[in-house]
Protein backbone atom coordinates (compact mmCIF):
# COMPACT_ATOMS: atom_id res chain seq x y z
CA MET A 1 -18.12 16.40 -6.19
CA VAL A 2 -15.25 13.94 -6.06
CA ARG A 3 -13.52 13.90 -2.68
CA VAL A 4 -10.91 11.94 -0.75
CA ALA A 5 -12.77 9.26 1.22
CA ARG A 6 -9.88 7.46 2.91
CA LEU A 7 -6.10 7.48 3.12
CA SER A 8 -4.08 4.35 3.87
CA ILE A 9 -0.43 3.91 4.80
CA ALA A 10 1.70 1.32 6.61
CA PRO A 11 5.04 2.19 8.28
CA VAL A 12 6.24 -1.37 7.60
CA LYS A 13 5.33 -2.78 4.21
CA SER A 14 2.60 -5.49 4.30
CA THR A 15 1.56 -4.81 7.90
CA ALA A 16 -1.82 -3.44 9.04
CA LEU A 17 -2.95 -0.21 7.41
CA HIS A 18 -3.27 3.11 9.19
CA HIS A 19 -5.95 5.55 8.09
CA PRO A 20 -4.71 9.04 8.95
CA ASP A 21 -6.80 12.15 8.44
CA GLU A 22 -4.00 13.63 6.35
CA VAL A 23 -0.72 12.73 4.69
CA ARG A 24 2.12 14.78 3.27
CA LEU A 25 2.75 13.73 -0.31
CA GLU A 26 6.34 14.11 -1.50
CA SER A 27 7.85 13.13 -4.85
CA TYR A 28 8.47 9.59 -3.57
CA GLY A 29 5.03 9.14 -1.97
CA ALA A 30 3.35 9.65 1.39
CA VAL A 31 5.71 10.56 4.22
CA GLY A 32 6.04 7.63 6.64
CA ASN A 33 4.59 5.06 4.27
CA ARG A 34 6.62 1.83 3.96
CA ARG A 35 9.67 3.34 5.67
CA PHE A 36 10.60 -0.24 6.58
CA TYR A 37 10.11 -3.61 4.97
CA ILE A 38 10.52 -7.27 5.89
CA ALA A 39 13.04 -9.55 4.23
CA GLU A 40 14.74 -12.87 4.51
CA PRO A 41 18.30 -12.70 5.87
CA ASP A 42 19.75 -12.70 2.35
CA GLY A 43 17.68 -9.63 1.47
CA ARG A 44 14.90 -11.33 -0.47
CA LEU A 45 11.63 -9.46 -0.04
CA PHE A 46 9.08 -11.12 2.22
CA ASP A 47 5.58 -9.67 1.96
CA GLY A 48 1.89 -10.51 1.97
CA THR A 49 2.20 -12.70 -1.11
CA ASP A 50 4.49 -14.96 0.93
CA PHE A 51 2.56 -14.81 4.20
CA GLY A 52 -0.77 -13.01 4.34
CA PRO A 53 -0.95 -12.78 8.16
CA LEU A 54 1.78 -10.13 8.15
CA VAL A 55 -1.24 -7.84 7.96
CA THR A 56 -2.16 -8.81 11.53
CA ILE A 57 0.90 -6.91 12.79
CA ARG A 58 0.25 -3.29 13.77
CA ALA A 59 3.34 -1.12 13.24
CA ASP A 60 3.57 2.34 14.79
CA TYR A 61 6.46 4.60 13.88
CA ASP A 62 7.40 7.84 15.64
CA ALA A 63 9.67 9.57 13.11
CA THR A 64 10.53 12.40 15.52
CA ARG A 65 11.99 10.00 18.08
CA ASP A 66 12.89 7.31 15.51
CA ARG A 67 11.09 4.63 17.47
CA LEU A 68 9.02 1.75 16.15
CA SER A 69 6.63 -0.67 17.83
CA LEU A 70 5.13 -3.86 16.45
CA ARG A 71 1.94 -5.23 18.02
CA PHE A 72 1.27 -8.88 17.23
CA PRO A 73 -1.97 -10.87 17.43
CA GLY A 74 -2.63 -11.76 21.04
CA GLY A 75 -1.23 -8.47 22.28
CA ALA A 76 2.53 -9.06 22.37
CA VAL A 77 4.45 -5.86 21.61
CA VAL A 78 8.09 -5.29 20.71
CA GLY A 79 9.42 -1.79 20.38
CA GLY A 80 12.45 0.41 20.51
CA ASP A 81 14.86 2.71 18.77
CA VAL A 82 15.40 1.96 15.09
CA ARG A 83 18.51 4.07 14.53
CA ALA A 84 20.82 1.10 15.15
CA VAL A 85 21.34 -0.62 11.82
CA GLY A 86 23.60 -3.47 10.86
CA ALA A 87 24.32 -5.45 7.73
CA PRO A 88 23.55 -3.91 4.34
CA VAL A 89 21.08 -5.74 2.10
CA ARG A 90 19.90 -5.35 -1.45
CA THR A 91 16.35 -6.34 -2.28
CA ASP A 92 14.63 -6.96 -5.58
CA MET A 93 11.43 -4.93 -5.11
CA TYR A 94 9.32 -6.08 -8.08
CA GLY A 95 12.15 -5.49 -10.53
CA ARG A 96 13.67 -2.48 -8.75
CA GLY A 97 16.84 -2.77 -6.72
CA VAL A 98 16.37 -1.33 -3.23
CA THR A 99 19.21 -1.00 -0.74
CA GLY A 100 18.83 -0.87 3.01
CA ARG A 101 20.21 -2.07 6.31
CA VAL A 102 18.98 -4.62 8.80
CA VAL A 103 17.55 -2.94 11.90
CA GLU A 104 19.15 -4.31 15.04
CA GLY A 105 17.08 -5.17 18.08
CA PRO A 106 14.11 -7.44 18.85
CA TRP A 107 12.58 -7.22 15.39
CA ALA A 108 14.08 -10.26 13.70
CA GLY A 109 13.17 -12.61 16.53
CA ALA A 110 9.59 -11.38 16.76
CA LEU A 111 8.99 -11.51 13.00
CA THR A 112 10.60 -14.93 12.74
CA ASN A 113 8.36 -16.29 15.48
CA HIS A 114 5.27 -14.84 13.81
CA ALA A 115 5.96 -16.21 10.32
CA GLY A 116 7.79 -19.39 11.26
CA ARG A 117 10.85 -18.67 9.14
CA PRO A 118 13.97 -16.49 9.54
CA LEU A 119 13.18 -12.85 8.82
CA VAL A 120 14.71 -9.43 9.40
CA LEU A 121 13.41 -5.88 9.50
CA VAL A 122 15.05 -3.58 6.94
CA ARG A 123 15.21 0.20 6.84
CA SER A 124 15.56 1.37 3.24
CA ASP A 125 18.42 3.77 2.60
CA GLU A 126 16.08 6.22 0.87
CA ALA A 127 12.67 7.27 2.14
CA GLY A 128 9.97 5.90 -0.16
CA ALA A 129 12.17 3.26 -1.79
CA ALA A 130 9.80 0.49 -0.68
CA ILE A 131 6.68 2.29 -1.89
CA GLY A 132 7.02 1.23 -5.50
CA GLU A 133 7.69 2.60 -8.95
CA TYR A 134 4.74 4.98 -8.64
CA ALA A 135 4.23 7.20 -5.62
CA VAL A 136 0.42 7.25 -5.61
CA SER A 137 -2.35 4.70 -5.99
CA ILE A 138 -6.00 5.72 -6.36
CA SER A 139 -9.31 3.89 -6.52
CA GLY A 140 -12.96 4.84 -6.16
CA THR A 141 -15.37 3.61 -3.52
CA ALA A 142 -17.85 3.09 -6.37
CA SER A 143 -15.40 0.69 -8.02
CA ALA A 144 -15.26 -1.39 -4.84
CA ALA A 145 -19.06 -1.33 -4.61
CA GLU A 146 -19.33 -2.52 -8.22
CA LEU A 147 -16.94 -5.38 -7.58
CA ALA A 148 -18.81 -6.29 -4.39
CA GLU A 149 -22.06 -6.58 -6.32
CA ARG A 150 -20.54 -8.59 -9.13
CA SER A 151 -18.62 -10.92 -6.82
CA GLY A 152 -21.82 -12.34 -5.35
CA ARG A 153 -20.39 -11.84 -1.86
CA PRO A 154 -20.76 -8.13 -1.13
CA GLU A 155 -20.43 -8.70 2.61
CA ALA A 156 -16.85 -9.91 2.10
CA LEU A 157 -15.63 -7.00 0.00
CA ASP A 158 -13.61 -4.74 2.29
CA SER A 159 -11.76 -2.27 0.06
CA ARG A 160 -8.80 -2.18 2.44
CA ARG A 161 -7.66 -5.36 0.67
CA PHE A 162 -6.55 -3.20 -2.28
CA ARG A 163 -4.17 -1.18 -0.06
CA MET A 164 -4.64 2.03 -2.05
CA LEU A 165 -3.05 5.23 -0.80
CA VAL A 166 -6.07 7.32 -1.82
CA GLU A 167 -9.68 6.18 -2.03
CA VAL A 168 -12.11 8.67 -3.56
CA GLU A 169 -15.88 9.02 -3.47
CA GLY A 170 -18.29 10.71 -5.87
CA THR A 171 -17.17 8.86 -9.02
CA ALA A 172 -18.86 6.31 -11.23
CA PRO A 173 -17.51 2.73 -11.03
CA HIS A 174 -13.97 2.66 -12.44
CA GLU A 175 -14.18 6.30 -13.50
CA GLU A 176 -10.60 6.68 -12.25
CA ASP A 177 -9.47 4.69 -15.31
CA SER A 178 -10.47 7.66 -17.48
CA TRP A 179 -8.02 9.86 -15.57
CA ILE A 180 -4.99 8.08 -17.06
CA GLY A 181 -2.97 10.63 -19.00
CA HIS A 182 -4.46 13.53 -17.03
CA THR A 183 -3.41 15.42 -13.93
CA ALA A 184 -5.50 15.41 -10.77
CA ARG A 185 -5.38 18.05 -8.05
CA ILE A 186 -5.83 16.18 -4.77
CA GLY A 187 -5.86 18.64 -1.90
CA GLU A 188 -2.61 20.62 -2.17
CA ALA A 189 -0.86 17.98 -4.31
CA LEU A 190 -0.89 17.60 -8.08
CA VAL A 191 -0.69 14.04 -9.41
CA GLN A 192 -0.11 12.77 -12.93
CA VAL A 193 -2.26 9.68 -13.39
CA GLU A 194 -0.08 7.20 -15.24
CA MET A 195 -1.44 3.68 -15.67
CA PRO A 196 -3.77 0.96 -14.34
CA VAL A 197 -2.83 -1.08 -11.28
CA ALA A 198 -2.41 -4.77 -12.12
CA ARG A 199 -3.65 -6.70 -9.11
CA CYS A 200 -2.14 -9.72 -7.37
CA VAL A 201 -3.08 -12.43 -4.89
CA ILE A 202 -2.99 -10.02 -1.93
CA THR A 203 -6.40 -8.68 -2.99
CA THR A 204 -7.89 -12.14 -2.39
CA GLN A 205 -6.94 -11.96 1.30
CA ASP A 206 -9.07 -10.69 4.15
CA PRO A 207 -7.42 -7.37 5.13
CA SER A 208 -7.80 -8.15 8.84
CA THR A 209 -6.51 -11.73 8.89
CA GLY A 210 -4.47 -12.09 5.71
CA LEU A 211 -6.28 -15.33 4.90
CA LYS A 212 -7.78 -15.88 1.47
CA ASP A 213 -11.52 -15.28 1.61
CA LEU A 214 -12.64 -14.01 -1.81
CA ASP A 215 -11.38 -14.64 -5.34
CA THR A 216 -11.26 -10.98 -6.33
CA LEU A 217 -9.03 -11.70 -9.32
CA LYS A 218 -11.57 -14.04 -10.87
CA ALA A 219 -14.40 -11.61 -10.14
CA ILE A 220 -12.60 -8.60 -11.63
CA ALA A 221 -11.52 -10.50 -14.72
CA ALA A 222 -15.05 -11.81 -15.26
CA TYR A 223 -16.48 -8.36 -15.89
CA ARG A 224 -13.43 -6.27 -16.79
CA GLY A 225 -11.41 -8.73 -18.84
CA LEU A 226 -7.62 -8.84 -19.07
CA ARG A 227 -5.29 -6.07 -20.16
CA ASP A 228 -2.81 -7.33 -22.74
CA GLY A 229 -4.18 -10.79 -22.16
CA LYS A 230 -2.77 -11.08 -18.64
CA SER A 231 -3.23 -8.08 -16.30
CA ILE A 232 -6.24 -7.82 -13.98
CA ASP A 233 -6.66 -4.11 -13.31
CA PHE A 234 -8.27 -2.31 -10.39
CA GLY A 235 -7.37 1.31 -9.60
CA VAL A 236 -4.69 3.56 -11.06
CA TYR A 237 -1.14 4.64 -10.35
CA GLY A 238 0.16 8.19 -10.39
CA SER A 239 3.33 10.21 -9.94
CA VAL A 240 3.70 13.43 -8.00
CA VAL A 241 3.99 16.63 -10.02
CA GLU A 242 3.60 19.00 -7.06
CA PRO A 243 4.03 17.80 -3.45
CA GLY A 244 1.52 18.88 -0.85
CA LEU A 245 -0.81 17.92 1.96
CA ILE A 246 -3.80 15.65 1.28
CA ARG A 247 -6.66 15.46 3.78
CA VAL A 248 -9.74 13.27 3.99
CA GLY A 249 -12.57 15.32 2.48
CA ASP A 250 -10.32 17.26 0.10
CA PRO A 251 -11.71 17.79 -3.40
CA VAL A 252 -10.24 15.89 -6.35
CA GLU A 253 -10.19 17.92 -9.56
CA VAL A 254 -9.12 16.21 -12.78
CA ASP A 255 -7.79 18.38 -15.62
CA PRO A 256 -9.80 17.51 -18.73
CA ALA A 257 -6.74 18.16 -20.90
CA ALA A 258 -4.20 15.37 -21.10
CA GLY A 259 -1.19 16.00 -18.89
């Protein structure tokens, strides 16, 4: 039986992943996921493709109290209320325009010191705006195991590097590709599986340090080829048809009829 093996979210885009036992899936994605993002003062997105070690920051967000804390390598912590917002910004989020406001407080100074360039913390105006065009990403543990074997460095293949919302077990390698065009019942939620995920340089980075440690793109392309002559695919994207709660261990049931 196919089941949910792991869930992954990050309150601040590109920071360390959390692995909750359950998430609430809404039309825009998992509640609490990427509620904030990091940008340059002019609003330009700053993420793991710019500076991999953003992943060494642990962000914890208490939505009830609207408080955020950032724990940096070495143990330094900044935290506080995130209701105070300042200047509006508009960010190009991979071709989508996202609006938000700079969060006032200690965030800019701490992020700037960590990355060595001026940065600000932004709260998007709409929940889920920083998640992406598609609300859900899915991959199989068997797909990661296949890539590990083919890469020649299985000890280095930590599937967290793919930053997928839902990882599933009980599938054949890359079986999730066959779900495109179908609906999948994942726990209480119903997801329409839409398209492959084209991967980027972030997957080459160690998910604990953010430093490049494995050429996943070369390894994937070597045995899977390129889609349309350019895209290196691993995992699938989906949109939410019916919101609901997803828990680790929940069954995943794919409708054999195209959605």
